[in-house]
Amino acid sequence: MLFAGPAPGFGFGYIQPPQASQAPQVTNIRRLQYALRNLAAFAADPSLSVVPDGKLGPRTRAAVNRALETYAESAPPAFRTGRLTSLQIVRNVGTIAPALEELAPL
C-alpha cells in the first residue's frame, strides 16, 4: 500500500491527475468555461467570468445557470431553469458549450 490515510486530495495537497478517459471531459468543460468568459466580455456581465481550468466547481455551475437563464433564449426550457446541477452540466456539456459560444461571437 502506497498511501495510508484519507483518500488523495483530502487534506494532503495532492490532486490526482485526470485519467486518459477523463481528458476529453476536461477539454469540454474548459471549452464551456472559455465560452462563459467570452460571453462575460460580450455582455459586460462579470458574474459569468470563470477561470478555464477544466474543473466544474460552484462558480462555473452558477455562471452556466445564469448564462442559460439570462442570455440563451433559444436553449431548451429544461436548461433555462437556473437549477442545473454539476452532473447535469457535465452530461450536457456537448450541447451547452456550443449554445453559449453562439451567443458571443469572437
PDB file of N, CA and C in Angstrom:
ATOM      1  N   MET A   1       0.844  -1.165   0.000  1.00  0.00           N
ATOM      2  CA  MET A   1       0.000   0.000   0.000  1.00  0.00           C
ATOM      3  C   MET A   1       0.893   1.232   0.000  1.00  0.00           C
ATOM      4  N   LEU A   2       0.655   2.098  -0.962  1.00  0.00           N
ATOM      5  CA  LEU A   2       1.482   3.278  -1.102  1.00  0.00           C
ATOM      6  C   LEU A   2       1.022   4.438  -0.238  1.00  0.00           C
ATOM      7  N   PHE A   3      -0.250   4.469   0.080  1.00  0.00           N
ATOM      8  CA  PHE A   3      -0.782   5.627   0.767  1.00  0.00           C
ATOM      9  C   PHE A   3      -1.729   5.160   1.857  1.00  0.00           C
ATOM     10  N   ALA A   4      -1.399   5.435   3.088  1.00  0.00           N
ATOM     11  CA  ALA A   4      -2.272   5.070   4.200  1.00  0.00           C
ATOM     12  C   ALA A   4      -2.882   6.344   4.754  1.00  0.00           C
ATOM     13  N   GLY A   5      -4.165   6.397   4.808  1.00  0.00           N
ATOM     14  CA  GLY A   5      -4.849   7.575   5.313  1.00  0.00           C
ATOM     15  C   GLY A   5      -6.035   7.910   4.445  1.00  0.00           C
ATOM     16  N   PRO A   6      -6.528   9.107   4.569  1.00  0.00           N
ATOM     17  CA  PRO A   6      -7.671   9.512   3.762  1.00  0.00           C
ATOM     18  C   PRO A   6      -7.353   9.452   2.272  1.00  0.00           C
ATOM     19  N   ALA A   7      -8.377   9.468   1.475  1.00  0.00           N
ATOM     20  CA  ALA A   7      -8.203   9.422   0.027  1.00  0.00           C
ATOM     21  C   ALA A   7      -7.378  10.605  -0.446  1.00  0.00           C
ATOM     22  N   PRO A   8      -6.584  10.432  -1.507  1.00  0.00           N
ATOM     23  CA  PRO A   8      -5.786  11.540  -2.027  1.00  0.00           C
ATOM     24  C   PRO A   8      -6.665  12.736  -2.361  1.00  0.00           C
ATOM     25  N   GLY A   9      -6.164  13.917  -2.044  1.00  0.00           N
ATOM     26  CA  GLY A   9      -6.895  15.134  -2.332  1.00  0.00           C
ATOM     27  C   GLY A   9      -7.649  15.662  -1.128  1.00  0.00           C
ATOM     28  N   PHE A  10      -7.675  14.899  -0.044  1.00  0.00           N
ATOM     29  CA  PHE A  10      -8.406  15.328   1.142  1.00  0.00           C
ATOM     30  C   PHE A  10      -7.425  15.705   2.243  1.00  0.00           C
ATOM     31  N   GLY A  11      -6.934  16.932   2.201  1.00  0.00           N
ATOM     32  CA  GLY A  11      -6.096  17.445   3.262  1.00  0.00           C
ATOM     33  C   GLY A  11      -4.607  17.247   3.075  1.00  0.00           C
ATOM     34  N   PHE A  12      -4.180  16.608   2.011  1.00  0.00           N
ATOM     35  CA  PHE A  12      -2.758  16.380   1.832  1.00  0.00           C
ATOM     36  C   PHE A  12      -2.169  17.182   0.677  1.00  0.00           C
ATOM     37  N   GLY A  13      -2.959  18.031   0.045  1.00  0.00           N
ATOM     38  CA  GLY A  13      -2.455  18.846  -1.042  1.00  0.00           C
ATOM     39  C   GLY A  13      -2.190  18.069  -2.309  1.00  0.00           C
ATOM     40  N   TYR A  14      -2.663  16.847  -2.392  1.00  0.00           N
ATOM     41  CA  TYR A  14      -2.432  16.008  -3.565  1.00  0.00           C
ATOM     42  C   TYR A  14      -3.695  15.973  -4.399  1.00  0.00           C
ATOM     43  N   ILE A  15      -3.563  16.320  -5.660  1.00  0.00           N
ATOM     44  CA  ILE A  15      -4.695  16.258  -6.573  1.00  0.00           C
ATOM     45  C   ILE A  15      -4.371  15.227  -7.628  1.00  0.00           C
ATOM     46  N   GLN A  16      -5.221  14.257  -7.758  1.00  0.00           N
ATOM     47  CA  GLN A  16      -5.000  13.192  -8.713  1.00  0.00           C
ATOM     48  C   GLN A  16      -5.169  13.730 -10.132  1.00  0.00           C
ATOM     49  N   PRO A  17      -4.181  13.489 -11.012  1.00  0.00           N
ATOM     50  CA  PRO A  17      -4.315  13.970 -12.384  1.00  0.00           C
ATOM     51  C   PRO A  17      -5.443  13.241 -13.100  1.00  0.00           C
ATOM     52  N   PRO A  18      -6.048  13.885 -14.087  1.00  0.00           N
ATOM     53  CA  PRO A  18      -7.143  13.219 -14.797  1.00  0.00           C
ATOM     54  C   PRO A  18      -6.653  11.974 -15.525  1.00  0.00           C
ATOM     55  N   GLN A  19      -7.476  10.965 -15.525  1.00  0.00           N
ATOM     56  CA  GLN A  19      -7.164   9.740 -16.245  1.00  0.00           C
ATOM     57  C   GLN A  19      -7.362   9.997 -17.731  1.00  0.00           C
ATOM     58  N   ALA A  20      -6.826   9.109 -18.556  1.00  0.00           N
ATOM     59  CA  ALA A  20      -6.943   9.277 -20.002  1.00  0.00           C
ATOM     60  C   ALA A  20      -8.402   9.318 -20.431  1.00  0.00           C
ATOM     61  N   SER A  21      -9.260   8.551 -19.755  1.00  0.00           N
ATOM     62  CA  SER A  21     -10.668   8.537 -20.123  1.00  0.00           C
ATOM     63  C   SER A  21     -11.377   9.835 -19.724  1.00  0.00           C
ATOM     64  N   GLN A  22     -10.804  10.601 -18.795  1.00  0.00           N
ATOM     65  CA  GLN A  22     -11.402  11.857 -18.352  1.00  0.00           C
ATOM     66  C   GLN A  22     -10.912  13.046 -19.163  1.00  0.00           C
ATOM     67  N   ALA A  23      -9.851  12.887 -19.929  1.00  0.00           N
ATOM     68  CA  ALA A  23      -9.259  14.012 -20.652  1.00  0.00           C
ATOM     69  C   ALA A  23     -10.245  14.690 -21.598  1.00  0.00           C
ATOM     70  N   PRO A  24     -11.037  13.962 -22.406  1.00  0.00           N
ATOM     71  CA  PRO A  24     -11.994  14.666 -23.263  1.00  0.00           C
ATOM     72  C   PRO A  24     -13.021  15.456 -22.462  1.00  0.00           C
ATOM     73  N   GLN A  25     -13.435  14.958 -21.311  1.00  0.00           N
ATOM     74  CA  GLN A  25     -14.413  15.672 -20.487  1.00  0.00           C
ATOM     75  C   GLN A  25     -13.822  16.971 -19.961  1.00  0.00           C
ATOM     76  N   VAL A  26     -12.565  16.950 -19.544  1.00  0.00           N
ATOM     77  CA  VAL A  26     -11.902  18.167 -19.063  1.00  0.00           C
ATOM     78  C   VAL A  26     -11.824  19.185 -20.199  1.00  0.00           C
ATOM     79  N   THR A  27     -11.534  18.722 -21.415  1.00  0.00           N
ATOM     80  CA  THR A  27     -11.466  19.610 -22.571  1.00  0.00           C
ATOM     81  C   THR A  27     -12.822  20.243 -22.838  1.00  0.00           C
ATOM     82  N   ASN A  28     -13.894  19.472 -22.731  1.00  0.00           N
ATOM     83  CA  ASN A  28     -15.230  20.010 -22.957  1.00  0.00           C
ATOM     84  C   ASN A  28     -15.606  21.035 -21.890  1.00  0.00           C
ATOM     85  N   ILE A  29     -15.241  20.772 -20.649  1.00  0.00           N
ATOM     86  CA  ILE A  29     -15.545  21.719 -19.576  1.00  0.00           C
ATOM     87  C   ILE A  29     -14.744  22.997 -19.780  1.00  0.00           C
ATOM     88  N   ARG A  30     -13.497  22.853 -20.195  1.00  0.00           N
ATOM     89  CA  ARG A  30     -12.671  24.039 -20.469  1.00  0.00           C
ATOM     90  C   ARG A  30     -13.283  24.846 -21.620  1.00  0.00           C
ATOM     91  N   ARG A  31     -13.792  24.151 -22.644  1.00  0.00           N
ATOM     92  CA  ARG A  31     -14.464  24.839 -23.758  1.00  0.00           C
ATOM     93  C   ARG A  31     -15.673  25.629 -23.241  1.00  0.00           C
ATOM     94  N   LEU A  32     -16.426  25.014 -22.346  1.00  0.00           N
ATOM     95  CA  LEU A  32     -17.574  25.685 -21.743  1.00  0.00           C
ATOM     96  C   LEU A  32     -17.119  26.927 -20.970  1.00  0.00           C
ATOM     97  N   GLN A  33     -16.027  26.807 -20.233  1.00  0.00           N
ATOM     98  CA  GLN A  33     -15.528  27.923 -19.443  1.00  0.00           C
ATOM     99  C   GLN A  33     -15.034  29.072 -20.334  1.00  0.00           C
ATOM    100  N   TYR A  34     -14.396  28.730 -21.456  1.00  0.00           N
ATOM    101  CA  TYR A  34     -13.985  29.787 -22.384  1.00  0.00           C
ATOM    102  C   TYR A  34     -15.208  30.463 -23.002  1.00  0.00           C
ATOM    103  N   ALA A  35     -16.250  29.698 -23.294  1.00  0.00           N
ATOM    104  CA  ALA A  35     -17.483  30.283 -23.824  1.00  0.00           C
ATOM    105  C   ALA A  35     -18.098  31.238 -22.804  1.00  0.00           C
ATOM    106  N   LEU A  36     -18.060  30.867 -21.539  1.00  0.00           N
ATOM    107  CA  LEU A  36     -18.574  31.750 -20.486  1.00  0.00           C
ATOM    108  C   LEU A  36     -17.756  33.036 -20.392  1.00  0.00           C
ATOM    109  N   ARG A  37     -16.437  32.926 -20.489  1.00  0.00           N
ATOM    110  CA  ARG A  37     -15.589  34.128 -20.434  1.00  0.00           C
ATOM    111  C   ARG A  37     -15.860  35.054 -21.602  1.00  0.00           C
ATOM    112  N   ASN A  38     -16.027  34.483 -22.801  1.00  0.00           N
ATOM    113  CA  ASN A  38     -16.329  35.310 -23.971  1.00  0.00           C
ATOM    114  C   ASN A  38     -17.681  35.999 -23.809  1.00  0.00           C
ATOM    115  N   LEU A  39     -18.654  35.258 -23.308  1.00  0.00           N
ATOM    116  CA  LEU A  39     -19.979  35.836 -23.092  1.00  0.00           C
ATOM    117  C   LEU A  39     -19.927  36.917 -22.013  1.00  0.00           C
ATOM    118  N   ALA A  40     -19.115  36.717 -20.988  1.00  0.00           N
ATOM    119  CA  ALA A  40     -18.965  37.725 -19.928  1.00  0.00           C
ATOM    120  C   ALA A  40     -18.426  39.025 -20.505  1.00  0.00           C
ATOM    121  N   ALA A  41     -17.453  38.927 -21.395  1.00  0.00           N
ATOM    122  CA  ALA A  41     -16.885  40.132 -22.012  1.00  0.00           C
ATOM    123  C   ALA A  41     -17.882  40.762 -22.981  1.00  0.00           C
ATOM    124  N   PHE A  42     -18.567  39.942 -23.762  1.00  0.00           N
ATOM    125  CA  PHE A  42     -19.514  40.444 -24.764  1.00  0.00           C
ATOM    126  C   PHE A  42     -20.710  41.118 -24.111  1.00  0.00           C
ATOM    127  N   ALA A  43     -21.228  40.528 -23.033  1.00  0.00           N
ATOM    128  CA  ALA A  43     -22.426  41.046 -22.369  1.00  0.00           C
ATOM    129  C   ALA A  43     -22.095  41.997 -21.221  1.00  0.00           C
ATOM    130  N   ALA A  44     -20.810  42.200 -20.951  1.00  0.00           N
ATOM    131  CA  ALA A  44     -20.368  43.049 -19.832  1.00  0.00           C
ATOM    132  C   ALA A  44     -21.000  42.584 -18.525  1.00  0.00           C
ATOM    133  N   ASP A  45     -20.949  41.281 -18.304  1.00  0.00           N
ATOM    134  CA  ASP A  45     -21.513  40.666 -17.100  1.00  0.00           C
ATOM    135  C   ASP A  45     -20.400  39.921 -16.368  1.00  0.00           C
ATOM    136  N   PRO A  46     -19.770  40.540 -15.375  1.00  0.00           N
ATOM    137  CA  PRO A  46     -18.636  39.895 -14.698  1.00  0.00           C
ATOM    138  C   PRO A  46     -19.007  38.632 -13.929  1.00  0.00           C
ATOM    139  N   SER A  47     -20.271  38.411 -13.643  1.00  0.00           N
ATOM    140  CA  SER A  47     -20.654  37.201 -12.913  1.00  0.00           C
ATOM    141  C   SER A  47     -20.495  35.942 -13.757  1.00  0.00           C
ATOM    142  N   LEU A  48     -20.298  36.104 -15.061  1.00  0.00           N
ATOM    143  CA  LEU A  48     -20.116  34.948 -15.940  1.00  0.00           C
ATOM    144  C   LEU A  48     -18.652  34.576 -16.130  1.00  0.00           C
ATOM    145  N   SER A  49     -17.744  35.426 -15.700  1.00  0.00           N
ATOM    146  CA  SER A  49     -16.323  35.182 -15.912  1.00  0.00           C
ATOM    147  C   SER A  49     -15.812  34.123 -14.940  1.00  0.00           C
ATOM    148  N   VAL A  50     -15.240  33.064 -15.501  1.00  0.00           N
ATOM    149  CA  VAL A  50     -14.682  31.974 -14.702  1.00  0.00           C
ATOM    150  C   VAL A  50     -13.275  31.664 -15.194  1.00  0.00           C
ATOM    151  N   VAL A  51     -12.517  30.952 -14.395  1.00  0.00           N
ATOM    152  CA  VAL A  51     -11.173  30.529 -14.771  1.00  0.00           C
ATOM    153  C   VAL A  51     -11.291  29.244 -15.578  1.00  0.00           C
ATOM    154  N   PRO A  52     -10.740  29.207 -16.795  1.00  0.00           N
ATOM    155  CA  PRO A  52     -10.840  27.988 -17.610  1.00  0.00           C
ATOM    156  C   PRO A  52      -9.828  26.926 -17.173  1.00  0.00           C
ATOM    157  N   ASP A  53     -10.115  26.269 -16.055  1.00  0.00           N
ATOM    158  CA  ASP A  53      -9.207  25.272 -15.505  1.00  0.00           C
ATOM    159  C   ASP A  53      -9.664  23.835 -15.763  1.00  0.00           C
ATOM    160  N   GLY A  54     -10.807  23.662 -16.378  1.00  0.00           N
ATOM    161  CA  GLY A  54     -11.299  22.318 -16.672  1.00  0.00           C
ATOM    162  C   GLY A  54     -12.013  21.660 -15.512  1.00  0.00           C
ATOM    163  N   LYS A  55     -12.217  22.398 -14.424  1.00  0.00           N
ATOM    164  CA  LYS A  55     -12.910  21.855 -13.251  1.00  0.00           C
ATOM    165  C   LYS A  55     -14.274  22.514 -13.137  1.00  0.00           C
ATOM    166  N   LEU A  56     -15.267  21.717 -12.851  1.00  0.00           N
ATOM    167  CA  LEU A  56     -16.623  22.240 -12.718  1.00  0.00           C
ATOM    168  C   LEU A  56     -16.929  22.419 -11.248  1.00  0.00           C
ATOM    169  N   GLY A  57     -16.708  23.629 -10.762  1.00  0.00           N
ATOM    170  CA  GLY A  57     -16.963  23.946  -9.363  1.00  0.00           C
ATOM    171  C   GLY A  57     -18.222  24.786  -9.224  1.00  0.00           C
ATOM    172  N   PRO A  58     -18.469  25.289  -8.032  1.00  0.00           N
ATOM    173  CA  PRO A  58     -19.689  26.055  -7.790  1.00  0.00           C
ATOM    174  C   PRO A  58     -19.761  27.356  -8.596  1.00  0.00           C
ATOM    175  N   ARG A  59     -18.649  28.008  -8.822  1.00  0.00           N
ATOM    176  CA  ARG A  59     -18.672  29.257  -9.602  1.00  0.00           C
ATOM    177  C   ARG A  59     -19.012  28.989 -11.065  1.00  0.00           C
ATOM    178  N   THR A  60     -18.434  27.941 -11.641  1.00  0.00           N
ATOM    179  CA  THR A  60     -18.760  27.592 -13.027  1.00  0.00           C
ATOM    180  C   THR A  60     -20.221  27.180 -13.135  1.00  0.00           C
ATOM    181  N   ARG A  61     -20.682  26.396 -12.171  1.00  0.00           N
ATOM    182  CA  ARG A  61     -22.087  25.957 -12.193  1.00  0.00           C
ATOM    183  C   ARG A  61     -23.028  27.163 -12.125  1.00  0.00           C
ATOM    184  N   ALA A  62     -22.727  28.107 -11.252  1.00  0.00           N
ATOM    185  CA  ALA A  62     -23.566  29.301 -11.125  1.00  0.00           C
ATOM    186  C   ALA A  62     -23.523  30.139 -12.404  1.00  0.00           C
ATOM    187  N   ALA A  63     -22.350  30.260 -13.011  1.00  0.00           N
ATOM    188  CA  ALA A  63     -22.226  31.040 -14.244  1.00  0.00           C
ATOM    189  C   ALA A  63     -22.988  30.383 -15.393  1.00  0.00           C
ATOM    190  N   VAL A  64     -22.929  29.063 -15.486  1.00  0.00           N
ATOM    191  CA  VAL A  64     -23.679  28.352 -16.527  1.00  0.00           C
ATOM    192  C   VAL A  64     -25.171  28.580 -16.341  1.00  0.00           C
ATOM    193  N   ASN A  65     -25.650  28.417 -15.122  1.00  0.00           N
ATOM    194  CA  ASN A  65     -27.074  28.615 -14.857  1.00  0.00           C
ATOM    195  C   ASN A  65     -27.506  30.050 -15.172  1.00  0.00           C
ATOM    196  N   ARG A  66     -26.695  31.021 -14.789  1.00  0.00           N
ATOM    197  CA  ARG A  66     -27.040  32.426 -15.067  1.00  0.00           C
ATOM    198  C   ARG A  66     -27.032  32.699 -16.567  1.00  0.00           C
ATOM    199  N   ALA A  67     -26.026  32.192 -17.273  1.00  0.00           N
ATOM    200  CA  ALA A  67     -25.935  32.423 -18.721  1.00  0.00           C
ATOM    201  C   ALA A  67     -27.117  31.801 -19.451  1.00  0.00           C
ATOM    202  N   LEU A  68     -27.475  30.582 -19.083  1.00  0.00           N
ATOM    203  CA  LEU A  68     -28.591  29.920 -19.753  1.00  0.00           C
ATOM    204  C   LEU A  68     -29.916  30.600 -19.430  1.00  0.00           C
ATOM    205  N   GLU A  69     -30.066  31.009 -18.197  1.00  0.00           N
ATOM    206  CA  GLU A  69     -31.324  31.618 -17.766  1.00  0.00           C
ATOM    207  C   GLU A  69     -31.496  33.033 -18.338  1.00  0.00           C
ATOM    208  N   THR A  70     -30.405  33.780 -18.412  1.00  0.00           N
ATOM    209  CA  THR A  70     -30.483  35.185 -18.797  1.00  0.00           C
ATOM    210  C   THR A  70     -30.307  35.425 -20.291  1.00  0.00           C
ATOM    211  N   TYR A  71     -29.362  34.716 -20.918  1.00  0.00           N
ATOM    212  CA  TYR A  71     -28.971  35.067 -22.279  1.00  0.00           C
ATOM    213  C   TYR A  71     -29.371  34.051 -23.355  1.00  0.00           C
ATOM    214  N   ALA A  72     -29.503  32.793 -23.004  1.00  0.00           N
ATOM    215  CA  ALA A  72     -29.747  31.746 -24.010  1.00  0.00           C
ATOM    216  C   ALA A  72     -31.238  31.508 -24.194  1.00  0.00           C
ATOM    217  N   GLU A  73     -31.872  32.417 -24.898  1.00  0.00           N
ATOM    218  CA  GLU A  73     -33.321  32.318 -25.085  1.00  0.00           C
ATOM    219  C   GLU A  73     -33.722  31.152 -25.977  1.00  0.00           C
ATOM    220  N   SER A  74     -32.807  30.689 -26.828  1.00  0.00           N
ATOM    221  CA  SER A  74     -33.131  29.576 -27.721  1.00  0.00           C
ATOM    222  C   SER A  74     -32.799  28.215 -27.106  1.00  0.00           C
ATOM    223  N   ALA A  75     -32.259  28.207 -25.894  1.00  0.00           N
ATOM    224  CA  ALA A  75     -31.930  26.940 -25.232  1.00  0.00           C
ATOM    225  C   ALA A  75     -33.217  26.218 -24.829  1.00  0.00           C
ATOM    226  N   PRO A  76     -33.160  24.888 -24.737  1.00  0.00           N
ATOM    227  CA  PRO A  76     -34.347  24.143 -24.299  1.00  0.00           C
ATOM    228  C   PRO A  76     -34.808  24.608 -22.917  1.00  0.00           C
ATOM    229  N   PRO A  77     -36.106  24.609 -22.678  1.00  0.00           N
ATOM    230  CA  PRO A  77     -36.626  25.077 -21.382  1.00  0.00           C
ATOM    231  C   PRO A  77     -36.044  24.338 -20.180  1.00  0.00           C
ATOM    232  N   ALA A  78     -35.708  23.080 -20.347  1.00  0.00           N
ATOM    233  CA  ALA A  78     -35.138  22.317 -19.229  1.00  0.00           C
ATOM    234  C   ALA A  78     -33.779  22.870 -18.810  1.00  0.00           C
ATOM    235  N   PHE A  79     -33.060  23.501 -19.731  1.00  0.00           N
ATOM    236  CA  PHE A  79     -31.760  24.089 -19.415  1.00  0.00           C
ATOM    237  C   PHE A  79     -31.897  25.479 -18.813  1.00  0.00           C
ATOM    238  N   ARG A  80     -33.025  26.128 -18.995  1.00  0.00           N
ATOM    239  CA  ARG A  80     -33.187  27.524 -18.596  1.00  0.00           C
ATOM    240  C   ARG A  80     -33.829  27.676 -17.220  1.00  0.00           C
ATOM    241  N   THR A  81     -33.852  26.632 -16.439  1.00  0.00           N
ATOM    242  CA  THR A  81     -34.484  26.698 -15.124  1.00  0.00           C
ATOM    243  C   THR A  81     -33.638  27.453 -14.110  1.00  0.00           C
ATOM    244  N   GLY A  82     -32.304  27.489 -14.327  1.00  0.00           N
ATOM    245  CA  GLY A  82     -31.419  28.111 -13.358  1.00  0.00           C
ATOM    246  C   GLY A  82     -31.053  27.181 -12.216  1.00  0.00           C
ATOM    247  N   ARG A  83     -31.396  25.906 -12.364  1.00  0.00           N
ATOM    248  CA  ARG A  83     -31.133  24.941 -11.287  1.00  0.00           C
ATOM    249  C   ARG A  83     -30.402  23.700 -11.778  1.00  0.00           C
ATOM    250  N   LEU A  84     -29.598  23.819 -12.826  1.00  0.00           N
ATOM    251  CA  LEU A  84     -28.848  22.661 -13.293  1.00  0.00           C
ATOM    252  C   LEU A  84     -27.785  22.284 -12.270  1.00  0.00           C
ATOM    253  N   THR A  85     -27.647  21.006 -12.020  1.00  0.00           N
ATOM    254  CA  THR A  85     -26.612  20.523 -11.113  1.00  0.00           C
ATOM    255  C   THR A  85     -25.319  20.316 -11.890  1.00  0.00           C
ATOM    256  N   SER A  86     -24.241  20.097 -11.179  1.00  0.00           N
ATOM    257  CA  SER A  86     -22.957  19.838 -11.831  1.00  0.00           C
ATOM    258  C   SER A  86     -23.045  18.603 -12.716  1.00  0.00           C
ATOM    259  N   LEU A  87     -23.713  17.570 -12.238  1.00  0.00           N
ATOM    260  CA  LEU A  87     -23.842  16.339 -13.016  1.00  0.00           C
ATOM    261  C   LEU A  87     -24.628  16.590 -14.303  1.00  0.00           C
ATOM    262  N   GLN A  88     -25.691  17.366 -14.232  1.00  0.00           N
ATOM    263  CA  GLN A  88     -26.474  17.680 -15.424  1.00  0.00           C
ATOM    264  C   GLN A  88     -25.647  18.491 -16.420  1.00  0.00           C
ATOM    265  N   ILE A  89     -24.827  19.392 -15.922  1.00  0.00           N
ATOM    266  CA  ILE A  89     -23.977  20.195 -16.805  1.00  0.00           C
ATOM    267  C   ILE A  89     -22.942  19.310 -17.476  1.00  0.00           C
ATOM    268  N   VAL A  90     -22.319  18.410 -16.714  1.00  0.00           N
ATOM    269  CA  VAL A  90     -21.314  17.512 -17.290  1.00  0.00           C
ATOM    270  C   VAL A  90     -21.938  16.620 -18.355  1.00  0.00           C
ATOM    271  N   ARG A  91     -23.117  16.100 -18.087  1.00  0.00           N
ATOM    272  CA  ARG A  91     -23.782  15.218 -19.052  1.00  0.00           C
ATOM    273  C   ARG A  91     -24.176  15.956 -20.324  1.00  0.00           C
ATOM    274  N   ASN A  92     -24.451  17.251 -20.228  1.00  0.00           N
ATOM    275  CA  ASN A  92     -24.932  18.016 -21.374  1.00  0.00           C
ATOM    276  C   ASN A  92     -23.942  19.064 -21.858  1.00  0.00           C
ATOM    277  N   VAL A  93     -22.691  18.958 -21.463  1.00  0.00           N
ATOM    278  CA  VAL A  93     -21.701  19.972 -21.822  1.00  0.00           C
ATOM    279  C   VAL A  93     -21.528  20.056 -23.337  1.00  0.00           C
ATOM    280  N   GLY A  94     -21.715  18.975 -24.046  1.00  0.00           N
ATOM    281  CA  GLY A  94     -21.596  18.983 -25.502  1.00  0.00           C
ATOM    282  C   GLY A  94     -22.692  19.793 -26.174  1.00  0.00           C
ATOM    283  N   THR A  95     -23.785  20.015 -25.502  1.00  0.00           N
ATOM    284  CA  THR A  95     -24.883  20.830 -26.021  1.00  0.00           C
ATOM    285  C   THR A  95     -24.802  22.261 -25.498  1.00  0.00           C
ATOM    286  N   ILE A  96     -24.421  22.404 -24.240  1.00  0.00           N
ATOM    287  CA  ILE A  96     -24.407  23.723 -23.604  1.00  0.00           C
ATOM    288  C   ILE A  96     -23.280  24.599 -24.149  1.00  0.00           C
ATOM    289  N   ALA A  97     -22.080  24.042 -24.288  1.00  0.00           N
ATOM    290  CA  ALA A  97     -20.934  24.848 -24.729  1.00  0.00           C
ATOM    291  C   ALA A  97     -21.172  25.481 -26.103  1.00  0.00           C
ATOM    292  N   PRO A  98     -21.602  24.720 -27.118  1.00  0.00           N
ATOM    293  CA  PRO A  98     -21.851  25.373 -28.417  1.00  0.00           C
ATOM    294  C   PRO A  98     -22.968  26.412 -28.357  1.00  0.00           C
ATOM    295  N   ALA A  99     -23.977  26.177 -27.534  1.00  0.00           N
ATOM    296  CA  ALA A  99     -25.067  27.151 -27.407  1.00  0.00           C
ATOM    297  C   ALA A  99     -24.554  28.472 -26.839  1.00  0.00           C
ATOM    298  N   LEU A 100     -23.649  28.406 -25.872  1.00  0.00           N
ATOM    299  CA  LEU A 100     -23.089  29.628 -25.297  1.00  0.00           C
ATOM    300  C   LEU A 100     -22.083  30.281 -26.240  1.00  0.00           C
ATOM    301  N   GLU A 101     -21.380  29.470 -27.012  1.00  0.00           N
ATOM    302  CA  GLU A 101     -20.418  30.019 -27.984  1.00  0.00           C
ATOM    303  C   GLU A 101     -21.128  30.841 -29.060  1.00  0.00           C
ATOM    304  N   GLU A 102     -22.337  30.433 -29.417  1.00  0.00           N
ATOM    305  CA  GLU A 102     -23.104  31.172 -30.429  1.00  0.00           C
ATOM    306  C   GLU A 102     -23.548  32.541 -29.923  1.00  0.00           C
ATOM    307  N   LEU A 103     -23.678  32.688 -28.624  1.00  0.00           N
ATOM    308  CA  LEU A 103     -24.166  33.949 -28.053  1.00  0.00           C
ATOM    309  C   LEU A 103     -23.128  35.060 -28.086  1.00  0.00           C
ATOM    310  N   ALA A 104     -21.850  34.694 -28.081  1.00  0.00           N
ATOM    311  CA  ALA A 104     -20.783  35.686 -28.035  1.00  0.00           C
ATOM    312  C   ALA A 104     -19.785  35.428 -29.163  1.00  0.00           C
ATOM    313  N   PRO A 105     -19.984  36.082 -30.292  1.00  0.00           N
ATOM    314  CA  PRO A 105     -19.025  35.894 -31.389  1.00  0.00           C
ATOM    315  C   PRO A 105     -17.642  36.408 -30.986  1.00  0.00           C
ATOM    316  N   LEU A 106     -16.630  35.726 -31.435  1.00  0.00           N
ATOM    317  CA  LEU A 106     -15.260  36.120 -31.063  1.00  0.00           C
ATOM    318  C   LEU A 106     -14.833  37.392 -31.710  1.00  0.00           C
TER     319      LEU A 106
END
